[in-house]
Amino acid sequence: MIRVELPFHLQRLAHSPKEVTLDVSPPVTQRSILDALEARFPMLRGTIRDHSTLRRRPFLRFFACGSDFSDAGPDSPLPEAVASGAEPFLIVGAIAGG
């Protein structure tokens, strides 16, 4: 089971708790996690990734094991700690301002 932590606004939209668990077949990648998340919570389609390009939306960041994976390729394997469920995959709302 993969653990995913959602930011508050996505929790509200999905009517979910902060952390959700998903069944994801190996290899565990950003794409496989987000595909499983959107399959379980269809109302999140288009909120994390663009509908047509499937690229990460601005102002959302992805973290795993204390590292920023936002700019990693969507099919790059994530750390074993995420794949085993020991650590969560974090989707974090970025804050802009000045």
N, C-alpha and C. Protein backbone atom coordinates (compact mmCIF):
# COMPACT_ATOMS: atom_id res chain seq x y z
N MET A 1 0.84 -1.18 0.00
CA MET A 1 0.00 0.00 0.00
C MET A 1 0.88 1.25 0.00
N ILE A 2 0.55 2.16 -0.85
CA ILE A 2 1.26 3.44 -0.95
C ILE A 2 0.48 4.46 -0.13
N ARG A 3 1.20 5.26 0.63
CA ARG A 3 0.59 6.32 1.43
C ARG A 3 0.79 7.65 0.71
N VAL A 4 -0.30 8.42 0.59
CA VAL A 4 -0.24 9.72 -0.06
C VAL A 4 -0.86 10.75 0.86
N GLU A 5 -0.15 11.84 1.11
CA GLU A 5 -0.69 12.95 1.91
C GLU A 5 -1.11 14.06 0.97
N LEU A 6 -2.35 14.52 1.17
CA LEU A 6 -2.94 15.56 0.33
C LEU A 6 -3.00 16.89 1.06
N PRO A 7 -2.85 18.00 0.32
CA PRO A 7 -3.04 19.31 0.95
C PRO A 7 -4.52 19.52 1.26
N PHE A 8 -4.80 20.45 2.16
CA PHE A 8 -6.16 20.65 2.67
C PHE A 8 -7.19 20.85 1.57
N HIS A 9 -6.88 21.69 0.57
CA HIS A 9 -7.89 21.97 -0.46
C HIS A 9 -8.24 20.72 -1.26
N LEU A 10 -7.30 19.80 -1.48
CA LEU A 10 -7.62 18.57 -2.19
C LEU A 10 -8.34 17.58 -1.28
N GLN A 11 -8.03 17.61 0.01
CA GLN A 11 -8.78 16.78 0.97
C GLN A 11 -10.25 17.14 0.93
N ARG A 12 -10.53 18.44 0.96
CA ARG A 12 -11.92 18.91 0.95
C ARG A 12 -12.63 18.51 -0.34
N LEU A 13 -11.95 18.67 -1.45
CA LEU A 13 -12.55 18.33 -2.74
C LEU A 13 -12.85 16.83 -2.85
N ALA A 14 -11.93 16.02 -2.35
CA ALA A 14 -12.08 14.56 -2.44
C ALA A 14 -12.89 13.97 -1.29
N HIS A 15 -13.22 14.79 -0.29
CA HIS A 15 -13.90 14.29 0.92
C HIS A 15 -13.09 13.14 1.52
N SER A 16 -11.80 13.39 1.70
CA SER A 16 -10.88 12.36 2.18
C SER A 16 -10.11 12.87 3.38
N PRO A 17 -9.49 11.94 4.11
CA PRO A 17 -8.58 12.37 5.17
C PRO A 17 -7.28 12.90 4.56
N LYS A 18 -6.42 13.42 5.41
CA LYS A 18 -5.14 13.96 4.94
C LYS A 18 -4.30 12.89 4.26
N GLU A 19 -4.29 11.69 4.82
CA GLU A 19 -3.50 10.61 4.24
C GLU A 19 -4.43 9.53 3.70
N VAL A 20 -4.19 9.15 2.46
CA VAL A 20 -4.95 8.06 1.84
C VAL A 20 -3.97 6.96 1.46
N THR A 21 -4.46 5.74 1.40
CA THR A 21 -3.64 4.61 0.97
C THR A 21 -4.17 4.11 -0.37
N LEU A 22 -3.25 3.71 -1.22
CA LEU A 22 -3.59 3.27 -2.56
C LEU A 22 -2.84 1.99 -2.90
N ASP A 23 -3.48 1.14 -3.69
CA ASP A 23 -2.80 -0.02 -4.25
C ASP A 23 -2.17 0.40 -5.57
N VAL A 24 -0.86 0.30 -5.63
CA VAL A 24 -0.12 0.69 -6.84
C VAL A 24 0.81 -0.46 -7.20
N SER A 25 0.73 -0.91 -8.43
CA SER A 25 1.61 -1.98 -8.90
C SER A 25 2.99 -1.41 -9.22
N PRO A 26 4.04 -2.19 -8.97
CA PRO A 26 5.38 -1.73 -9.31
C PRO A 26 5.52 -1.54 -10.81
N PRO A 27 6.39 -0.67 -11.25
CA PRO A 27 7.22 0.23 -10.47
C PRO A 27 6.39 1.42 -9.96
N VAL A 28 6.72 1.86 -8.77
CA VAL A 28 6.01 2.98 -8.15
C VAL A 28 6.65 4.28 -8.64
N THR A 29 5.86 5.04 -9.38
CA THR A 29 6.31 6.31 -9.96
C THR A 29 5.27 7.38 -9.65
N GLN A 30 5.61 8.63 -9.93
CA GLN A 30 4.62 9.70 -9.78
C GLN A 30 3.38 9.39 -10.62
N ARG A 31 3.61 8.97 -11.85
CA ARG A 31 2.48 8.70 -12.75
C ARG A 31 1.58 7.59 -12.19
N SER A 32 2.18 6.49 -11.71
CA SER A 32 1.36 5.38 -11.21
C SER A 32 0.59 5.78 -9.96
N ILE A 33 1.21 6.59 -9.10
CA ILE A 33 0.51 7.06 -7.89
C ILE A 33 -0.63 7.99 -8.27
N LEU A 34 -0.36 8.95 -9.14
CA LEU A 34 -1.41 9.91 -9.51
C LEU A 34 -2.53 9.25 -10.31
N ASP A 35 -2.20 8.26 -11.14
CA ASP A 35 -3.24 7.50 -11.85
C ASP A 35 -4.16 6.79 -10.86
N ALA A 36 -3.56 6.15 -9.85
CA ALA A 36 -4.35 5.44 -8.84
C ALA A 36 -5.17 6.41 -7.99
N LEU A 37 -4.58 7.55 -7.67
CA LEU A 37 -5.29 8.56 -6.87
C LEU A 37 -6.50 9.10 -7.63
N GLU A 38 -6.31 9.41 -8.90
CA GLU A 38 -7.42 9.94 -9.71
C GLU A 38 -8.47 8.87 -10.00
N ALA A 39 -8.07 7.60 -10.06
CA ALA A 39 -9.05 6.53 -10.25
C ALA A 39 -9.93 6.39 -9.00
N ARG A 40 -9.31 6.51 -7.83
CA ARG A 40 -10.07 6.39 -6.58
C ARG A 40 -10.90 7.63 -6.30
N PHE A 41 -10.35 8.80 -6.63
CA PHE A 41 -11.03 10.07 -6.38
C PHE A 41 -11.16 10.82 -7.72
N PRO A 42 -12.13 10.46 -8.54
CA PRO A 42 -12.26 11.08 -9.87
C PRO A 42 -12.41 12.60 -9.83
N MET A 43 -12.91 13.13 -8.72
CA MET A 43 -13.06 14.58 -8.63
C MET A 43 -11.73 15.31 -8.59
N LEU A 44 -10.63 14.58 -8.42
CA LEU A 44 -9.30 15.21 -8.41
C LEU A 44 -8.69 15.29 -9.81
N ARG A 45 -9.31 14.66 -10.80
CA ARG A 45 -8.78 14.73 -12.17
C ARG A 45 -8.73 16.19 -12.62
N GLY A 46 -7.57 16.57 -13.10
CA GLY A 46 -7.39 17.94 -13.58
C GLY A 46 -6.96 18.92 -12.51
N THR A 47 -6.97 18.51 -11.24
CA THR A 47 -6.56 19.43 -10.18
C THR A 47 -5.07 19.30 -9.85
N ILE A 48 -4.52 18.12 -10.04
CA ILE A 48 -3.11 17.88 -9.74
C ILE A 48 -2.29 17.94 -11.03
N ARG A 49 -2.87 17.39 -12.10
CA ARG A 49 -2.22 17.38 -13.41
C ARG A 49 -3.17 17.98 -14.43
N ASP A 50 -2.59 18.62 -15.44
CA ASP A 50 -3.37 19.15 -16.55
C ASP A 50 -4.07 18.00 -17.27
N HIS A 51 -5.32 18.20 -17.68
CA HIS A 51 -6.09 17.15 -18.37
C HIS A 51 -5.39 16.62 -19.62
N SER A 52 -4.89 17.50 -20.44
CA SER A 52 -4.36 17.05 -21.74
C SER A 52 -2.89 16.67 -21.69
N THR A 53 -2.06 17.44 -21.00
CA THR A 53 -0.62 17.15 -20.99
C THR A 53 -0.20 16.23 -19.85
N LEU A 54 -1.03 16.10 -18.83
CA LEU A 54 -0.73 15.33 -17.61
C LEU A 54 0.50 15.87 -16.88
N ARG A 55 0.84 17.13 -17.11
CA ARG A 55 1.94 17.77 -16.38
C ARG A 55 1.43 18.32 -15.07
N ARG A 56 2.31 18.34 -14.08
CA ARG A 56 1.98 18.86 -12.75
C ARG A 56 1.48 20.29 -12.86
N ARG A 57 0.42 20.58 -12.11
CA ARG A 57 -0.12 21.94 -12.07
C ARG A 57 0.84 22.86 -11.32
N PRO A 58 0.89 24.14 -11.73
CA PRO A 58 1.69 25.09 -10.96
C PRO A 58 1.16 25.17 -9.53
N PHE A 59 2.01 25.48 -8.62
CA PHE A 59 1.68 25.65 -7.21
C PHE A 59 1.38 24.34 -6.51
N LEU A 60 1.73 23.22 -7.12
CA LEU A 60 1.72 21.93 -6.43
C LEU A 60 3.11 21.35 -6.54
N ARG A 61 3.59 20.78 -5.44
CA ARG A 61 4.92 20.17 -5.41
C ARG A 61 4.78 18.74 -4.90
N PHE A 62 5.72 17.88 -5.29
CA PHE A 62 5.74 16.48 -4.87
C PHE A 62 7.02 16.23 -4.06
N PHE A 63 6.86 15.61 -2.88
CA PHE A 63 8.00 15.29 -2.03
C PHE A 63 7.93 13.83 -1.62
N ALA A 64 9.11 13.24 -1.43
CA ALA A 64 9.22 11.87 -0.93
C ALA A 64 10.54 11.76 -0.18
N CYS A 65 10.48 11.23 1.01
CA CYS A 65 11.67 10.98 1.82
C CYS A 65 12.51 12.25 2.01
N GLY A 66 11.85 13.38 2.18
CA GLY A 66 12.55 14.64 2.42
C GLY A 66 13.14 15.29 1.18
N SER A 67 12.89 14.73 0.00
CA SER A 67 13.42 15.29 -1.24
C SER A 67 12.29 15.76 -2.14
N ASP A 68 12.59 16.80 -2.91
CA ASP A 68 11.62 17.37 -3.85
C ASP A 68 11.69 16.58 -5.16
N PHE A 69 10.57 15.95 -5.53
CA PHE A 69 10.49 15.19 -6.77
C PHE A 69 9.63 15.89 -7.81
N SER A 70 9.34 17.16 -7.60
CA SER A 70 8.44 17.90 -8.47
C SER A 70 8.92 17.96 -9.91
N ASP A 71 10.22 18.07 -10.11
CA ASP A 71 10.76 18.20 -11.46
C ASP A 71 11.33 16.89 -12.00
N ALA A 72 11.19 15.81 -11.22
CA ALA A 72 11.63 14.50 -11.70
C ALA A 72 10.67 14.01 -12.77
N GLY A 73 11.13 13.15 -13.62
CA GLY A 73 10.27 12.60 -14.66
C GLY A 73 9.12 11.81 -14.05
N PRO A 74 7.95 11.87 -14.66
CA PRO A 74 6.78 11.20 -14.09
C PRO A 74 6.92 9.68 -14.03
N ASP A 75 7.83 9.10 -14.81
CA ASP A 75 8.02 7.66 -14.80
C ASP A 75 9.29 7.23 -14.09
N SER A 76 9.95 8.17 -13.41
CA SER A 76 11.13 7.83 -12.61
C SER A 76 10.70 7.10 -11.36
N PRO A 77 11.38 6.01 -11.01
CA PRO A 77 11.01 5.28 -9.79
C PRO A 77 11.19 6.15 -8.55
N LEU A 78 10.27 6.02 -7.62
CA LEU A 78 10.35 6.73 -6.35
C LEU A 78 11.14 5.87 -5.35
N PRO A 79 11.61 6.47 -4.25
CA PRO A 79 12.40 5.71 -3.28
C PRO A 79 11.66 4.47 -2.76
N GLU A 80 12.42 3.46 -2.39
CA GLU A 80 11.87 2.21 -1.87
C GLU A 80 11.01 2.44 -0.64
N ALA A 81 11.35 3.42 0.18
CA ALA A 81 10.56 3.70 1.38
C ALA A 81 9.13 4.12 1.02
N VAL A 82 8.96 4.80 -0.10
CA VAL A 82 7.62 5.17 -0.57
C VAL A 82 6.93 3.94 -1.15
N ALA A 83 7.67 3.18 -1.96
CA ALA A 83 7.10 1.99 -2.61
C ALA A 83 6.65 0.95 -1.59
N SER A 84 7.33 0.90 -0.45
CA SER A 84 6.97 -0.08 0.59
C SER A 84 5.90 0.44 1.54
N GLY A 85 5.59 1.73 1.46
CA GLY A 85 4.60 2.31 2.36
C GLY A 85 5.17 2.81 3.67
N ALA A 86 6.49 2.72 3.82
CA ALA A 86 7.12 3.19 5.06
C ALA A 86 7.07 4.72 5.16
N GLU A 87 7.18 5.39 4.02
CA GLU A 87 7.13 6.85 3.96
C GLU A 87 6.02 7.27 3.00
N PRO A 88 5.36 8.39 3.28
CA PRO A 88 4.30 8.84 2.36
C PRO A 88 4.86 9.63 1.18
N PHE A 89 4.09 9.66 0.11
CA PHE A 89 4.33 10.54 -1.03
C PHE A 89 3.52 11.80 -0.72
N LEU A 90 4.16 12.95 -0.69
CA LEU A 90 3.50 14.18 -0.29
C LEU A 90 3.16 15.04 -1.49
N ILE A 91 1.92 15.48 -1.55
CA ILE A 91 1.50 16.47 -2.52
C ILE A 91 1.28 17.75 -1.71
N VAL A 92 2.07 18.77 -2.01
CA VAL A 92 2.09 19.97 -1.18
C VAL A 92 1.69 21.17 -2.03
N GLY A 93 0.79 21.98 -1.49
CA GLY A 93 0.41 23.23 -2.13
C GLY A 93 1.50 24.25 -1.93
N ALA A 94 2.09 24.75 -3.01
CA ALA A 94 3.15 25.76 -2.92
C ALA A 94 2.53 27.13 -2.65
N ILE A 95 3.28 27.96 -2.00
CA ILE A 95 2.80 29.30 -1.66
C ILE A 95 3.65 30.32 -2.39
N ALA A 96 2.99 31.24 -3.07
CA ALA A 96 3.70 32.31 -3.76
C ALA A 96 3.37 33.62 -3.07
N GLY A 97 4.26 34.52 -3.17
CA GLY A 97 4.00 35.82 -2.56
C GLY A 97 5.25 36.66 -2.63
N GLY A 98 5.14 37.80 -2.06
CA GLY A 98 6.30 38.67 -2.11
C GLY A 98 6.34 39.59 -0.93
